C-alpha atoms as a PDB file:
ATOM      1  CA  UNK A   1     -75.155 179.426   6.177  1.00  0.00           C
ATOM      2  CA  UNK A   2     -72.118 179.674   8.432  1.00  0.00           C
ATOM      3  CA  UNK A   3     -69.312 182.005   7.448  1.00  0.00           C
ATOM      4  CA  UNK A   4     -67.138 178.910   6.997  1.00  0.00           C
ATOM      5  CA  UNK A   5     -69.380 177.527   4.219  1.00  0.00           C
ATOM      6  CA  UNK A   6     -68.140 178.408   0.738  1.00  0.00           C
ATOM      7  CA  UNK A   7     -70.557 180.528  -1.312  1.00  0.00           C
ATOM      8  CA  UNK A   8     -70.150 180.021  -5.070  1.00  0.00           C
ATOM      9  CA  UNK A   9     -70.748 183.291  -6.907  1.00  0.00           C
ATOM     10  CA  UNK A  10     -71.995 183.698 -10.478  1.00  0.00           C
ATOM     11  CA  UNK A  11     -69.376 185.673 -12.371  1.00  0.00           C
ATOM     12  CA  UNK A  12     -69.471 187.001 -15.938  1.00  0.00           C
ATOM     13  CA  UNK A  13     -66.307 187.900 -17.861  1.00  0.00           C
ATOM     14  CA  UNK A  14     -66.199 190.638 -20.490  1.00  0.00           C
ATOM     15  CA  UNK A  15     -63.156 190.795 -22.787  1.00  0.00           C
ATOM     16  CA  UNK A  16     -62.761 194.274 -24.257  1.00  0.00           C
ATOM     17  CA  UNK A  17     -60.576 194.191 -27.348  1.00  0.00           C
ATOM     18  CA  UNK A  18     -60.536 195.154 -31.007  1.00  0.00           C
ATOM     19  CA  UNK A  19     -58.252 192.255 -31.855  1.00  0.00           C
ATOM     20  CA  UNK A  20     -58.815 189.301 -29.519  1.00  0.00           C
ATOM     21  CA  UNK A  21     -61.100 186.398 -30.281  1.00  0.00           C
ATOM     22  CA  UNK A  22     -62.064 183.250 -28.381  1.00  0.00           C
ATOM     23  CA  UNK A  23     -59.064 181.582 -30.009  1.00  0.00           C
ATOM     24  CA  UNK A  24     -56.493 184.293 -29.205  1.00  0.00           C
ATOM     25  CA  UNK A  25     -57.796 185.484 -25.827  1.00  0.00           C
ATOM     26  CA  UNK A  26     -55.570 184.740 -22.847  1.00  0.00           C
ATOM     27  CA  UNK A  27     -56.756 187.246 -20.232  1.00  0.00           C
ATOM     28  CA  UNK A  28     -60.438 186.267 -20.239  1.00  0.00           C
ATOM     29  CA  UNK A  29     -59.411 182.626 -20.282  1.00  0.00           C
ATOM     30  CA  UNK A  30     -57.167 183.238 -17.263  1.00  0.00           C
ATOM     31  CA  UNK A  31     -60.028 184.806 -15.318  1.00  0.00           C
ATOM     32  CA  UNK A  32     -62.522 182.090 -16.299  1.00  0.00           C
ATOM     33  CA  UNK A  33     -60.102 179.328 -15.298  1.00  0.00           C
ATOM     34  CA  UNK A  34     -59.255 180.920 -11.972  1.00  0.00           C
ATOM     35  CA  UNK A  35     -62.819 181.683 -10.947  1.00  0.00           C
ATOM     36  CA  UNK A  36     -64.062 178.176 -11.776  1.00  0.00           C
ATOM     37  CA  UNK A  37     -61.069 176.567 -10.066  1.00  0.00           C
ATOM     38  CA  UNK A  38     -61.989 178.596  -6.960  1.00  0.00           C
ATOM     39  CA  UNK A  39     -65.490 177.061  -7.058  1.00  0.00           C
ATOM     40  CA  UNK A  40     -67.419 179.942  -8.593  1.00  0.00           C
ATOM     41  CA  UNK A  41     -69.643 179.669 -11.676  1.00  0.00           C
ATOM     42  CA  UNK A  42     -68.833 181.300 -15.014  1.00  0.00           C
ATOM     43  CA  UNK A  43     -72.227 182.851 -15.801  1.00  0.00           C
ATOM     44  CA  UNK A  44     -71.211 184.100 -19.244  1.00  0.00           C
ATOM     45  CA  UNK A  45     -68.153 185.202 -21.201  1.00  0.00           C
ATOM     46  CA  UNK A  46     -68.465 187.794 -23.924  1.00  0.00           C
ATOM     47  CA  UNK A  47     -66.194 189.739 -26.294  1.00  0.00           C
ATOM     48  CA  UNK A  48     -66.780 193.363 -27.320  1.00  0.00           C
ATOM     49  CA  UNK A  49     -64.612 195.858 -29.198  1.00  0.00           C
ATOM     50  CA  UNK A  50     -63.194 198.945 -27.497  1.00  0.00           C
ATOM     51  CA  UNK A  51     -66.451 200.862 -27.862  1.00  0.00           C
ATOM     52  CA  UNK A  52     -68.022 202.464 -24.781  1.00  0.00           C
ATOM     53  CA  UNK A  53     -71.579 201.877 -25.974  1.00  0.00           C
ATOM     54  CA  UNK A  54     -71.070 198.186 -26.718  1.00  0.00           C
ATOM     55  CA  UNK A  55     -69.352 197.766 -23.344  1.00  0.00           C
ATOM     56  CA  UNK A  56     -72.259 199.511 -21.591  1.00  0.00           C
ATOM     57  CA  UNK A  57     -74.823 197.413 -23.460  1.00  0.00           C
ATOM     58  CA  UNK A  58     -73.366 194.128 -22.207  1.00  0.00           C
ATOM     59  CA  UNK A  59     -72.783 195.446 -18.687  1.00  0.00           C
ATOM     60  CA  UNK A  60     -76.307 196.874 -18.519  1.00  0.00           C
ATOM     61  CA  UNK A  61     -77.723 193.475 -19.434  1.00  0.00           C
ATOM     62  CA  UNK A  62     -75.662 191.757 -16.757  1.00  0.00           C
ATOM     63  CA  UNK A  63     -76.353 194.226 -13.940  1.00  0.00           C
ATOM     64  CA  UNK A  64     -80.106 193.685 -14.273  1.00  0.00           C
ATOM     65  CA  UNK A  65     -79.724 189.898 -14.458  1.00  0.00           C
ATOM     66  CA  UNK A  66     -80.215 188.285 -11.023  1.00  0.00           C
ATOM     67  CA  UNK A  67     -78.130 185.332 -12.258  1.00  0.00           C
ATOM     68  CA  UNK A  68     -74.983 187.539 -12.297  1.00  0.00           C
ATOM     69  CA  UNK A  69     -73.358 188.554  -9.001  1.00  0.00           C
ATOM     70  CA  UNK A  70     -69.998 189.794 -10.273  1.00  0.00           C
ATOM     71  CA  UNK A  71     -68.633 191.132 -13.557  1.00  0.00           C
ATOM     72  CA  UNK A  72     -64.947 191.013 -14.411  1.00  0.00           C
ATOM     73  CA  UNK A  73     -63.772 193.002 -17.408  1.00  0.00           C
ATOM     74  CA  UNK A  74     -60.359 192.713 -18.994  1.00  0.00           C
ATOM     75  CA  UNK A  75     -58.939 195.251 -21.422  1.00  0.00           C
ATOM     76  CA  UNK A  76     -59.393 198.904 -22.232  1.00  0.00           C
ATOM     77  CA  UNK A  77     -57.934 200.284 -18.997  1.00  0.00           C
ATOM     78  CA  UNK A  78     -54.777 201.797 -20.476  1.00  0.00           C
ATOM     79  CA  UNK A  79     -54.009 205.245 -21.858  1.00  0.00           C
ATOM     80  CA  UNK A  80     -54.337 204.795 -25.614  1.00  0.00           C
ATOM     81  CA  UNK A  81     -57.019 206.524 -27.627  1.00  0.00           C
ATOM     82  CA  UNK A  82     -59.077 203.312 -27.924  1.00  0.00           C
ATOM     83  CA  UNK A  83     -58.922 202.473 -24.173  1.00  0.00           C
ATOM     84  CA  UNK A  84     -62.334 203.464 -22.839  1.00  0.00           C
ATOM     85  CA  UNK A  85     -63.452 200.838 -20.338  1.00  0.00           C
ATOM     86  CA  UNK A  86     -63.366 203.194 -17.312  1.00  0.00           C
ATOM     87  CA  UNK A  87     -65.340 205.827 -19.249  1.00  0.00           C
ATOM     88  CA  UNK A  88     -67.883 203.179 -20.266  1.00  0.00           C
ATOM     89  CA  UNK A  89     -68.296 201.713 -16.805  1.00  0.00           C
ATOM     90  CA  UNK A  90     -68.126 204.621 -14.361  1.00  0.00           C
ATOM     91  CA  UNK A  91     -71.491 206.170 -15.364  1.00  0.00           C
ATOM     92  CA  UNK A  92     -73.138 202.828 -14.487  1.00  0.00           C
ATOM     93  CA  UNK A  93     -71.725 202.741 -10.942  1.00  0.00           C
ATOM     94  CA  UNK A  94     -73.936 203.518  -7.966  1.00  0.00           C
ATOM     95  CA  UNK A  95     -70.819 203.375  -5.810  1.00  0.00           C
ATOM     96  CA  UNK A  96     -67.141 203.487  -6.716  1.00  0.00           C
ATOM     97  CA  UNK A  97     -64.745 201.110  -4.927  1.00  0.00           C
ATOM     98  CA  UNK A  98     -61.726 203.402  -4.971  1.00  0.00           C
ATOM     99  CA  UNK A  99     -59.541 201.066  -2.948  1.00  0.00           C
ATOM    100  CA  UNK A 100     -59.600 198.404  -5.666  1.00  0.00           C
ATOM    101  CA  UNK A 101     -57.578 200.479  -8.130  1.00  0.00           C
ATOM    102  CA  UNK A 102     -55.270 201.662  -5.378  1.00  0.00           C
ATOM    103  CA  UNK A 103     -54.677 198.108  -4.147  1.00  0.00           C
ATOM    104  CA  UNK A 104     -54.191 196.744  -7.662  1.00  0.00           C
ATOM    105  CA  UNK A 105     -51.521 199.315  -8.464  1.00  0.00           C
ATOM    106  CA  UNK A 106     -49.827 198.651  -5.120  1.00  0.00           C
ATOM    107  CA  UNK A 107     -49.599 194.866  -5.603  1.00  0.00           C
ATOM    108  CA  UNK A 108     -48.790 195.292  -9.294  1.00  0.00           C
ATOM    109  CA  UNK A 109     -45.833 197.529  -8.424  1.00  0.00           C
ATOM    110  CA  UNK A 110     -44.010 194.445  -7.086  1.00  0.00           C
ATOM    111  CA  UNK A 111     -44.180 192.913 -10.584  1.00  0.00           C
ATOM    112  CA  UNK A 112     -43.987 195.780 -13.080  1.00  0.00           C
ATOM    113  CA  UNK A 113     -42.642 198.628 -10.948  1.00  0.00           C
ATOM    114  CA  UNK A 114     -43.637 202.153 -11.968  1.00  0.00           C
ATOM    115  CA  UNK A 115     -45.359 200.956 -15.158  1.00  0.00           C
ATOM    116  CA  UNK A 116     -48.367 200.248 -12.922  1.00  0.00           C
ATOM    117  CA  UNK A 117     -49.121 203.977 -12.953  1.00  0.00           C
ATOM    118  CA  UNK A 118     -50.407 203.554 -16.520  1.00  0.00           C
ATOM    119  CA  UNK A 119     -53.260 201.316 -15.352  1.00  0.00           C
ATOM    120  CA  UNK A 120     -56.705 202.849 -14.919  1.00  0.00           C
ATOM    121  CA  UNK A 121     -58.108 199.806 -13.122  1.00  0.00           C
ATOM    122  CA  UNK A 122     -61.444 200.582 -11.497  1.00  0.00           C
ATOM    123  CA  UNK A 123     -64.306 198.903  -9.658  1.00  0.00           C
ATOM    124  CA  UNK A 124     -67.726 199.678  -8.336  1.00  0.00           C
ATOM    125  CA  UNK A 125     -71.234 198.505  -7.604  1.00  0.00           C
ATOM    126  CA  UNK A 126     -74.086 198.863 -10.104  1.00  0.00           C
ATOM    127  CA  UNK A 127     -77.593 197.703  -9.173  1.00  0.00           C
ATOM    128  CA  UNK A 128     -76.197 195.337  -6.543  1.00  0.00           C
ATOM    129  CA  UNK A 129     -73.625 193.823  -8.938  1.00  0.00           C
ATOM    130  CA  UNK A 130     -69.901 194.203  -8.399  1.00  0.00           C
ATOM    131  CA  UNK A 131     -67.894 195.231 -11.471  1.00  0.00           C
ATOM    132  CA  UNK A 132     -64.102 194.926 -11.483  1.00  0.00           C
ATOM    133  CA  UNK A 133     -62.195 196.281 -14.499  1.00  0.00           C
ATOM    134  CA  UNK A 134     -58.752 194.767 -15.029  1.00  0.00           C
ATOM    135  CA  UNK A 135     -56.091 195.382 -17.681  1.00  0.00           C
ATOM    136  CA  UNK A 136     -55.969 193.257 -20.826  1.00  0.00           C
ATOM    137  CA  UNK A 137     -52.833 191.264 -20.071  1.00  0.00           C
ATOM    138  CA  UNK A 138     -53.097 187.779 -18.627  1.00  0.00           C
ATOM    139  CA  UNK A 139     -50.377 188.712 -16.110  1.00  0.00           C
ATOM    140  CA  UNK A 140     -52.453 191.608 -14.801  1.00  0.00           C
ATOM    141  CA  UNK A 141     -55.508 189.344 -14.616  1.00  0.00           C
ATOM    142  CA  UNK A 142     -53.522 186.787 -12.612  1.00  0.00           C
ATOM    143  CA  UNK A 143     -52.354 189.553 -10.279  1.00  0.00           C
ATOM    144  CA  UNK A 144     -55.856 190.959  -9.828  1.00  0.00           C
ATOM    145  CA  UNK A 145     -57.407 187.560  -9.178  1.00  0.00           C
ATOM    146  CA  UNK A 146     -54.644 185.958  -7.125  1.00  0.00           C
ATOM    147  CA  UNK A 147     -53.745 188.910  -4.950  1.00  0.00           C
ATOM    148  CA  UNK A 148     -57.125 190.645  -4.469  1.00  0.00           C
ATOM    149  CA  UNK A 149     -60.240 189.039  -5.896  1.00  0.00           C
ATOM    150  CA  UNK A 150     -59.673 185.418  -4.854  1.00  0.00           C
ATOM    151  CA  UNK A 151     -59.901 186.329  -1.176  1.00  0.00           C
ATOM    152  CA  UNK A 152     -62.388 189.183  -1.468  1.00  0.00           C
ATOM    153  CA  UNK A 153     -64.853 186.975  -3.381  1.00  0.00           C
ATOM    154  CA  UNK A 154     -64.485 184.119  -0.875  1.00  0.00           C
ATOM    155  CA  UNK A 155     -67.017 184.493   1.920  1.00  0.00           C
ATOM    156  CA  UNK A 156     -64.695 182.586   4.264  1.00  0.00           C
ATOM    157  CA  UNK A 157     -62.011 185.319   4.109  1.00  0.00           C
ATOM    158  CA  UNK A 158     -61.751 187.651   7.046  1.00  0.00           C
ATOM    159  CA  UNK A 159     -62.102 189.963   8.657  1.00  0.00           C
ATOM    160  CA  UNK A 160     -64.528 191.026   5.891  1.00  0.00           C
ATOM    161  CA  UNK A 161     -64.979 190.558   2.159  1.00  0.00           C
ATOM    162  CA  UNK A 162     -67.044 191.561  -0.878  1.00  0.00           C
ATOM    163  CA  UNK A 163     -68.922 188.238  -0.952  1.00  0.00           C
ATOM    164  CA  UNK A 164     -70.522 188.690   2.463  1.00  0.00           C
ATOM    165  CA  UNK A 165     -71.772 192.158   1.517  1.00  0.00           C
ATOM    166  CA  UNK A 166     -73.582 190.992  -1.653  1.00  0.00           C
ATOM    167  CA  UNK A 167     -77.032 190.614  -0.023  1.00  0.00           C
ATOM    168  CA  UNK A 168     -76.770 194.122   1.424  1.00  0.00           C
ATOM    169  CA  UNK A 169     -75.723 196.019  -1.709  1.00  0.00           C
ATOM    170  CA  UNK A 170     -79.280 196.958  -2.668  1.00  0.00           C
ATOM    171  CA  UNK A 171     -80.637 197.878   0.760  1.00  0.00           C
ATOM    172  CA  UNK A 172     -81.852 201.437   1.193  1.00  0.00           C
END
């Protein structure tokens, strides 16, 4: 495959919320629409409450599934007592992608100014699977996808991107 050939990735979406359902969800829907419009495959979409063990259970299933390359979570990255997505996910990471949270807050600043400091967006690699944790608002999901993930998950983007590193994530 040449670098100029598009590589469709298999991406799962996890909506973390105590209140949202398939009917009321906008953030997971935003991510699913954007990733499929970009040419990627929605591997699965799932809803779990703000419970670290239920979040870990779904993520653990996906990170051992060879049919899932990427996981996008939405919700649970704020500061309230129920927000626990970073605490659920970080113990699963083999490697933390610190720049993702930094970049998200930087691009988000243009839209929501200093309120971006309240976001605990995080990302990492677990068992060769990328996991990106975004806030629960559809606006934040649009920002994360449009300004960071769309290019980083497109193998044609240069000078380098997450997609081209996928085959090398499990080498030792």
